[in-house]
């Protein structure tokens, strides 16, 4: 498995433009975090706000026009879709086929449409738009233009939208060229701003894909059991605008439609979503952490790694244990993301992840106190009148 810290501007443009007239945009869903902001690290929240600012900048840059509204206004469907899921003509055209390899640029997408077989294009378009209405989304052997026409007729409300959809599917290059100026403008702006997010993205990707984390995290999110062989050749990319956790592109490994996962694209909100889910009303998460830290040697190792790097043998010499026992403790600390591992040519170096330790200790405190803080007591005292015995605090 390979994971990357660079976003894909073409994919970001696809998500941004597909949401342009949606009722549930990335900025709206970031705002939904507001009630639980205290449970999110200050660093993450700052970057989330910067992503909202980036979306607002793009809104100013890409003013609504007849072309934008035609390609990115959600099509009305006979079956109601979740607010975060929309079908747009432009979204149909801008998705990145599983067969495409980096650098994922606009001309590469156009070239794919020009050279791909009609069958591959029909499968791509059908699976991304109309197939979600059906229970069996993996059997594409009999897909044809007539199949898509029938499916569009069954599921799209407006006759005009139905034929616009069919026209995009049968003439994708013509429509893609019309979108080129807008898409490249969005891509350029996102790419110019992406460097400001590089450190943040790297941390989020490490949280998802670090040692032994990816299979566990994705299995939990997808509610299915992934195995190492499933993701041996997978590539994992981050996204600033993909809020709904992940997108998976894959190819069928054989005629039985056994899926070989090929590319994951994961929103930078994934860690936060997962942590909030685990923390909400679940004391077991905190109890497991406290149990893990109740071992004195393990606790001392964590304290020792605050602000410095060390390796297994050095820690074994310091604490008098066997090296295998020390590595057991280090693996436990790694599994809770309390320490980071840096692999060098000569040895593995460990250090405390101060931000994660700080966040997890605060989460335990907030759970036990139901969010109470000392300043809340001070504010209560300040609002009391002299008749009730209260005293005013000094002005700040």
Protein backbone atom coordinates (compact mmCIF):
# COMPACT_ATOMS: atom_id res chain seq x y z
CA UNK A 1 0.00 0.00 0.00
CA UNK A 2 1.21 3.51 -0.82
CA UNK A 3 -0.18 6.68 0.70
CA UNK A 4 0.45 10.22 -0.36
CA UNK A 5 0.30 13.63 1.27
CA UNK A 6 -0.51 15.58 -1.90
CA UNK A 7 -4.08 16.36 -2.87
CA UNK A 8 -5.30 15.79 -6.43
CA UNK A 9 -6.42 19.21 -7.79
CA UNK A 10 -8.61 17.59 -10.46
CA UNK A 11 -10.45 15.58 -7.81
CA UNK A 12 -10.79 18.63 -5.54
CA UNK A 13 -12.27 20.59 -8.46
CA UNK A 14 -14.67 17.70 -9.11
CA UNK A 15 -15.89 17.71 -5.49
CA UNK A 16 -16.04 21.51 -5.18
CA UNK A 17 -17.97 22.04 -8.43
CA UNK A 18 -20.29 19.07 -7.79
CA UNK A 19 -21.28 20.70 -4.48
CA UNK A 20 -21.52 24.24 -5.86
CA UNK A 21 -25.35 24.27 -5.69
CA UNK A 22 -25.80 21.47 -3.17
CA UNK A 23 -27.75 21.88 0.07
CA UNK A 24 -24.94 20.23 2.02
CA UNK A 25 -21.50 21.57 1.16
CA UNK A 26 -18.15 20.94 2.84
CA UNK A 27 -18.36 24.29 4.66
CA UNK A 28 -21.84 23.42 5.96
CA UNK A 29 -20.63 20.12 7.35
CA UNK A 30 -17.59 21.72 8.95
CA UNK A 31 -19.98 24.07 10.75
CA UNK A 32 -21.83 21.01 12.05
CA UNK A 33 -18.72 20.37 14.18
CA UNK A 34 -19.28 23.64 16.04
CA UNK A 35 -21.21 22.16 19.02
CA UNK A 36 -18.35 19.75 19.68
CA UNK A 37 -15.52 22.12 18.85
CA UNK A 38 -14.00 21.70 22.32
CA UNK A 39 -13.41 18.01 21.53
CA UNK A 40 -11.35 18.87 18.44
CA UNK A 41 -7.76 20.01 18.69
CA UNK A 42 -7.20 23.73 18.14
CA UNK A 43 -4.83 22.99 15.27
CA UNK A 44 -7.37 20.91 13.39
CA UNK A 45 -10.14 23.44 13.94
CA UNK A 46 -7.92 26.22 12.57
CA UNK A 47 -7.29 24.26 9.38
CA UNK A 48 -10.95 23.35 9.04
CA UNK A 49 -11.74 27.07 9.08
CA UNK A 50 -9.07 27.67 6.44
CA UNK A 51 -10.76 25.09 4.22
CA UNK A 52 -14.03 27.00 4.62
CA UNK A 53 -12.14 30.16 3.59
CA UNK A 54 -10.76 28.34 0.54
CA UNK A 55 -14.25 27.31 -0.51
CA UNK A 56 -15.45 30.90 -0.08
CA UNK A 57 -12.54 32.13 -2.22
CA UNK A 58 -13.57 29.72 -4.97
CA UNK A 59 -17.17 30.90 -4.72
CA UNK A 60 -15.96 34.45 -5.39
CA UNK A 61 -13.70 33.23 -8.20
CA UNK A 62 -16.35 31.09 -9.92
CA UNK A 63 -19.45 33.23 -10.13
CA UNK A 64 -22.71 31.47 -11.08
CA UNK A 65 -23.29 31.45 -14.83
CA UNK A 66 -25.50 29.67 -17.30
CA UNK A 67 -22.73 27.15 -18.00
CA UNK A 68 -22.01 26.48 -14.30
CA UNK A 69 -25.68 26.12 -13.46
CA UNK A 70 -26.30 23.77 -16.39
CA UNK A 71 -23.50 21.37 -15.47
CA UNK A 72 -23.56 21.53 -11.67
CA UNK A 73 -27.16 22.05 -10.58
CA UNK A 74 -28.23 18.73 -9.01
CA UNK A 75 -30.60 16.69 -11.16
CA UNK A 76 -33.94 15.94 -9.54
CA UNK A 77 -34.44 12.22 -8.98
CA UNK A 78 -37.56 10.19 -8.32
CA UNK A 79 -35.81 8.51 -5.40
CA UNK A 80 -34.72 11.00 -2.74
CA UNK A 81 -30.97 11.03 -2.19
CA UNK A 82 -29.13 12.07 1.01
CA UNK A 83 -28.38 15.81 1.11
CA UNK A 84 -24.65 15.19 0.67
CA UNK A 85 -25.13 13.05 -2.46
CA UNK A 86 -26.03 14.73 -5.74
CA UNK A 87 -26.04 13.81 -9.41
CA UNK A 88 -24.75 16.53 -11.73
CA UNK A 89 -23.78 16.49 -15.38
CA UNK A 90 -20.37 18.01 -14.60
CA UNK A 91 -19.77 15.58 -11.75
CA UNK A 92 -20.44 12.74 -14.17
CA UNK A 93 -17.74 14.05 -16.51
CA UNK A 94 -15.06 15.01 -13.98
CA UNK A 95 -14.71 11.83 -11.95
CA UNK A 96 -11.30 10.15 -12.19
CA UNK A 97 -11.51 6.67 -13.75
CA UNK A 98 -9.85 3.89 -11.77
CA UNK A 99 -7.56 3.18 -14.72
CA UNK A 100 -6.00 6.67 -14.64
CA UNK A 101 -2.57 7.01 -13.08
CA UNK A 102 -0.86 10.15 -11.67
CA UNK A 103 -0.59 13.07 -12.37
CA UNK A 104 -4.41 13.09 -12.88
CA UNK A 105 -4.54 16.25 -14.99
CA UNK A 106 -7.34 17.55 -17.21
CA UNK A 107 -5.74 16.58 -20.52
CA UNK A 108 -5.17 13.06 -19.22
CA UNK A 109 -8.88 12.75 -18.40
CA UNK A 110 -9.80 14.04 -21.86
CA UNK A 111 -7.36 11.59 -23.45
CA UNK A 112 -8.94 8.73 -21.49
CA UNK A 113 -12.39 9.61 -22.84
CA UNK A 114 -11.00 9.74 -26.39
CA UNK A 115 -9.27 6.35 -26.22
CA UNK A 116 -11.42 4.25 -23.84
CA UNK A 117 -13.82 1.73 -25.30
CA UNK A 118 -17.51 2.56 -25.34
CA UNK A 119 -18.11 -0.32 -22.92
CA UNK A 120 -15.61 1.08 -20.39
CA UNK A 121 -17.16 4.54 -20.61
CA UNK A 122 -20.69 3.21 -20.20
CA UNK A 123 -19.64 1.20 -17.13
CA UNK A 124 -17.87 4.25 -15.67
CA UNK A 125 -20.82 6.60 -16.16
CA UNK A 126 -23.45 4.07 -15.14
CA UNK A 127 -21.65 3.02 -11.96
CA UNK A 128 -21.14 6.63 -10.85
CA UNK A 129 -24.64 7.95 -11.43
CA UNK A 130 -27.50 5.54 -11.93
CA UNK A 131 -26.19 2.31 -10.37
CA UNK A 132 -26.62 3.61 -6.78
CA UNK A 133 -30.39 3.28 -7.32
CA UNK A 134 -30.01 -0.48 -7.71
CA UNK A 135 -29.12 -3.22 -5.22
CA UNK A 136 -26.56 -4.97 -7.44
CA UNK A 137 -23.96 -2.36 -8.42
CA UNK A 138 -21.20 -4.76 -9.49
CA UNK A 139 -22.73 -6.66 -12.40
CA UNK A 140 -21.96 -4.50 -15.43
CA UNK A 141 -21.63 -7.17 -18.11
CA UNK A 142 -24.78 -6.13 -19.98
CA UNK A 143 -24.49 -2.35 -19.81
CA UNK A 144 -25.43 -0.58 -23.03
CA UNK A 145 -26.73 2.83 -24.10
CA UNK A 146 -30.27 1.46 -23.99
CA UNK A 147 -29.68 0.23 -20.41
CA UNK A 148 -28.66 3.74 -19.35
CA UNK A 149 -31.55 5.34 -21.24
CA UNK A 150 -33.99 3.03 -19.45
CA UNK A 151 -32.37 3.68 -16.06
CA UNK A 152 -32.41 7.45 -16.62
CA UNK A 153 -36.06 7.27 -17.62
CA UNK A 154 -36.87 5.36 -14.42
CA UNK A 155 -34.95 7.64 -12.06
CA UNK A 156 -34.56 11.19 -13.44
CA UNK A 157 -37.58 13.48 -13.08
CA UNK A 158 -37.11 15.99 -15.91
CA UNK A 159 -37.19 14.81 -19.52
CA UNK A 160 -34.74 17.60 -20.39
CA UNK A 161 -32.32 16.36 -17.72
CA UNK A 162 -32.61 12.79 -18.98
CA UNK A 163 -31.53 13.72 -22.48
CA UNK A 164 -28.82 16.06 -21.20
CA UNK A 165 -27.44 13.13 -19.19
CA UNK A 166 -27.51 10.82 -22.22
CA UNK A 167 -25.82 13.48 -24.35
CA UNK A 168 -22.97 13.85 -21.80
CA UNK A 169 -22.49 10.09 -21.73
CA UNK A 170 -22.42 9.71 -25.51
CA UNK A 171 -20.38 12.89 -26.22
CA UNK A 172 -18.16 13.34 -23.14
CA UNK A 173 -15.21 15.05 -24.87
CA UNK A 174 -17.36 17.81 -26.34
CA UNK A 175 -18.85 18.64 -22.93
CA UNK A 176 -15.53 18.33 -21.12
CA UNK A 177 -13.96 20.92 -23.44
CA UNK A 178 -16.75 23.34 -22.55
CA UNK A 179 -15.88 22.90 -18.89
CA UNK A 180 -12.12 23.21 -19.35
CA UNK A 181 -11.74 26.95 -18.51
CA UNK A 182 -13.75 26.67 -15.30
CA UNK A 183 -12.16 23.42 -14.14
CA UNK A 184 -8.61 24.58 -14.79
CA UNK A 185 -9.30 27.88 -13.00
CA UNK A 186 -10.47 25.96 -9.91
CA UNK A 187 -7.55 23.52 -10.13
CA UNK A 188 -4.99 26.33 -10.37
CA UNK A 189 -6.38 28.15 -7.33
CA UNK A 190 -6.51 24.97 -5.23
CA UNK A 191 -2.99 24.00 -6.27
CA UNK A 192 -1.66 27.46 -5.38
CA UNK A 193 -3.19 27.19 -1.90
CA UNK A 194 -2.35 23.53 -1.26
CA UNK A 195 1.14 24.15 0.12
CA UNK A 196 -0.36 25.95 3.12
CA UNK A 197 -2.12 22.68 4.06
CA UNK A 198 0.82 20.29 3.48
CA UNK A 199 1.86 19.82 7.13
CA UNK A 200 -1.73 19.40 8.28
CA UNK A 201 -2.48 16.88 5.53
CA UNK A 202 0.63 14.85 6.38
CA UNK A 203 -0.52 14.52 10.01
CA UNK A 204 -4.01 13.47 8.98
CA UNK A 205 -2.69 10.86 6.55
CA UNK A 206 -0.35 9.48 9.19
CA UNK A 207 -3.34 9.19 11.51
CA UNK A 208 -5.20 7.14 8.91
CA UNK A 209 -2.38 5.12 7.34
CA UNK A 210 0.27 4.77 10.05
CA UNK A 211 1.43 1.39 11.30
CA UNK A 212 -1.43 -1.15 11.29
CA UNK A 213 -4.03 1.65 11.37
CA UNK A 214 -5.41 1.67 7.85
CA UNK A 215 -7.07 -1.75 7.78
CA UNK A 216 -8.58 -1.24 11.24
CA UNK A 217 -9.82 2.28 10.52
CA UNK A 218 -11.26 1.58 7.08
CA UNK A 219 -12.85 -1.68 8.20
CA UNK A 220 -14.64 0.25 10.93
CA UNK A 221 -15.74 3.01 8.59
CA UNK A 222 -16.86 0.71 5.76
CA UNK A 223 -18.43 -1.84 8.12
CA UNK A 224 -16.61 -4.63 6.32
CA UNK A 225 -13.51 -6.68 7.08
CA UNK A 226 -10.57 -5.66 4.92
CA UNK A 227 -7.57 -7.95 4.64
CA UNK A 228 -3.97 -7.14 3.82
CA UNK A 229 -4.27 -8.75 0.40
CA UNK A 230 -7.21 -6.47 -0.42
CA UNK A 231 -5.07 -3.35 -0.12
CA UNK A 232 -1.62 -4.66 -1.08
CA UNK A 233 -1.59 -2.55 -4.26
CA UNK A 234 -3.80 0.26 -3.04
CA UNK A 235 -2.94 3.95 -3.28
CA UNK A 236 -4.34 6.36 -0.70
CA UNK A 237 -4.74 10.09 -1.36
CA UNK A 238 -6.06 12.92 0.82
CA UNK A 239 -8.82 15.41 -0.01
CA UNK A 240 -9.67 18.81 1.47
CA UNK A 241 -13.21 18.90 0.10
CA UNK A 242 -14.31 15.26 0.37
CA UNK A 243 -16.10 15.39 3.70
CA UNK A 244 -17.95 12.11 3.50
CA UNK A 245 -14.85 10.23 4.67
CA UNK A 246 -13.75 8.22 1.65
CA UNK A 247 -14.14 7.29 -2.00
CA UNK A 248 -12.98 3.94 -3.31
CA UNK A 249 -12.11 3.22 -6.95
CA UNK A 250 -11.52 -0.37 -7.86
CA UNK A 251 -11.31 -2.86 -10.70
CA UNK A 252 -12.83 -6.31 -10.87
CA UNK A 253 -10.08 -8.88 -10.46
CA UNK A 254 -11.95 -11.57 -12.38
CA UNK A 255 -15.26 -12.35 -14.04
CA UNK A 256 -16.83 -13.17 -10.68
CA UNK A 257 -16.51 -9.48 -9.82
CA UNK A 258 -14.11 -10.06 -6.94
CA UNK A 259 -12.98 -6.54 -6.09
CA UNK A 260 -9.33 -5.58 -5.98
CA UNK A 261 -9.14 -2.19 -4.26
CA UNK A 262 -7.10 0.20 -6.27
CA UNK A 263 -7.42 3.78 -5.00
CA UNK A 264 -8.76 5.31 -1.79
CA UNK A 265 -9.36 9.06 -1.52
CA UNK A 266 -9.94 10.06 2.10
CA UNK A 267 -11.15 13.38 3.47
CA UNK A 268 -8.92 15.13 6.00
CA UNK A 269 -11.90 15.06 8.40
CA UNK A 270 -11.71 11.28 8.72
CA UNK A 271 -9.71 11.20 11.96
CA UNK A 272 -12.00 13.74 13.60
CA UNK A 273 -15.16 11.91 12.52
CA UNK A 274 -13.77 8.63 13.82
CA UNK A 275 -12.61 10.09 17.13
CA UNK A 276 -15.90 11.89 17.78
CA UNK A 277 -17.80 8.72 16.98
CA UNK A 278 -15.67 6.71 19.41
CA UNK A 279 -15.84 9.33 22.15
CA UNK A 280 -19.55 10.11 22.09
CA UNK A 281 -21.14 8.44 25.10
CA UNK A 282 -18.54 5.69 25.13
CA UNK A 283 -16.58 5.51 28.39
CA UNK A 284 -15.00 2.28 27.18
CA UNK A 285 -12.65 4.24 24.92
CA UNK A 286 -11.31 6.22 27.88
CA UNK A 287 -11.18 3.18 30.16
CA UNK A 288 -9.08 1.26 27.61
CA UNK A 289 -6.63 4.14 27.42
CA UNK A 290 -6.36 4.40 31.20
CA UNK A 291 -5.84 0.64 31.50
CA UNK A 292 -3.11 0.78 28.89
CA UNK A 293 -1.33 3.59 30.76
CA UNK A 294 -1.74 1.93 34.16
CA UNK A 295 1.41 -0.13 33.51
CA UNK A 296 4.21 1.78 35.25
CA UNK A 297 6.90 0.95 32.70
CA UNK A 298 4.65 1.98 29.83
CA UNK A 299 3.72 5.21 31.60
CA UNK A 300 7.39 5.99 32.24
CA UNK A 301 8.32 5.28 28.62
CA UNK A 302 5.66 7.69 27.41
CA UNK A 303 6.92 10.37 29.80
CA UNK A 304 10.50 9.70 28.72
CA UNK A 305 9.60 10.25 25.05
CA UNK A 306 8.22 13.75 25.65
CA UNK A 307 10.38 16.09 23.61
CA UNK A 308 13.00 13.57 22.54
CA UNK A 309 13.56 10.48 20.41
CA UNK A 310 14.68 7.08 21.65
CA UNK A 311 14.94 3.51 20.40
CA UNK A 312 14.07 0.09 21.77
CA UNK A 313 17.47 -1.00 23.11
CA UNK A 314 18.10 2.36 24.76
CA UNK A 315 14.76 2.15 26.57
CA UNK A 316 15.42 -1.50 27.53
CA UNK A 317 18.76 -0.49 29.08
CA UNK A 318 17.15 2.37 30.98
CA UNK A 319 14.19 0.41 32.39
CA UNK A 320 15.90 -2.95 32.82
CA UNK A 321 13.51 -4.99 30.74
CA UNK A 322 13.98 -7.35 27.83
CA UNK A 323 13.96 -5.63 24.46
CA UNK A 324 10.96 -7.74 23.36
CA UNK A 325 9.02 -6.49 26.40
CA UNK A 326 9.91 -2.88 25.60
CA UNK A 327 8.71 -3.32 22.01
CA UNK A 328 5.45 -4.73 23.35
CA UNK A 329 4.95 -1.55 25.37
CA UNK A 330 5.90 0.62 22.39
CA UNK A 331 3.39 -1.21 20.17
CA UNK A 332 0.67 -0.55 22.75
CA UNK A 333 1.50 3.17 22.81
CA UNK A 334 1.55 3.23 19.00
CA UNK A 335 -1.85 1.55 18.79
CA UNK A 336 -3.36 4.46 20.77
CA UNK A 337 -1.46 7.02 18.64
CA UNK A 338 0.33 8.39 21.70
CA UNK A 339 3.77 8.03 20.12
CA UNK A 340 5.16 8.33 16.60
CA UNK A 341 7.60 6.00 14.86
CA UNK A 342 10.33 7.18 12.49
CA UNK A 343 12.15 4.43 10.61
CA UNK A 344 15.79 5.21 9.76
CA UNK A 345 18.50 3.18 8.08
CA UNK A 346 19.93 2.05 11.41
CA UNK A 347 17.08 1.94 13.92
CA UNK A 348 13.46 2.77 14.67
CA UNK A 349 13.09 6.01 16.62
CA UNK A 350 10.12 6.77 18.85
CA UNK A 351 8.86 10.05 20.25
CA UNK A 352 5.71 11.28 21.97
CA UNK A 353 2.92 12.65 19.81
CA UNK A 354 2.23 15.56 22.15
CA UNK A 355 -0.87 16.73 20.32
CA UNK A 356 -2.56 13.33 20.55
CA UNK A 357 -1.59 12.90 24.23
CA UNK A 358 -2.97 16.35 24.98
CA UNK A 359 -6.21 15.72 23.06
CA UNK A 360 -6.86 12.28 24.58
CA UNK A 361 -6.16 13.43 28.15
CA UNK A 362 -8.49 16.38 27.62
CA UNK A 363 -11.16 14.06 26.25
CA UNK A 364 -11.03 11.95 29.43
CA UNK A 365 -11.24 15.08 31.58
CA UNK A 366 -14.18 16.47 29.59
CA UNK A 367 -16.02 13.15 29.72
CA UNK A 368 -15.66 12.83 33.50
CA UNK A 369 -16.67 16.47 34.08
CA UNK A 370 -19.32 16.65 31.34
CA UNK A 371 -17.43 19.54 29.79
CA UNK A 372 -17.14 21.57 33.02
CA UNK A 373 -14.13 23.87 33.30
CA UNK A 374 -12.80 25.97 36.22
CA UNK A 375 -13.69 29.19 34.41
CA UNK A 376 -17.33 28.09 34.43
CA UNK A 377 -17.27 28.19 38.24
CA UNK A 378 -15.65 31.63 38.15
CA UNK A 379 -18.31 32.92 35.75
CA UNK A 380 -21.04 31.61 38.07
CA UNK A 381 -19.45 33.43 40.99
CA UNK A 382 -19.23 36.67 39.04
CA UNK A 383 -22.94 36.62 38.27
CA UNK A 384 -23.95 36.28 41.92
CA UNK A 385 -25.16 39.44 43.71
CA UNK A 386 -23.68 40.70 47.03
CA UNK A 387 -26.93 39.74 48.79
CA UNK A 388 -26.26 36.08 48.06
CA UNK A 389 -22.72 36.25 49.34
CA UNK A 390 -21.01 36.28 45.97
CA UNK A 391 -17.96 38.41 45.17
CA UNK A 392 -17.12 40.09 41.89
CA UNK A 393 -13.90 39.02 40.32
CA UNK A 394 -11.36 41.49 38.98
CA UNK A 395 -11.88 42.75 35.47
CA UNK A 396 -9.51 41.31 32.86
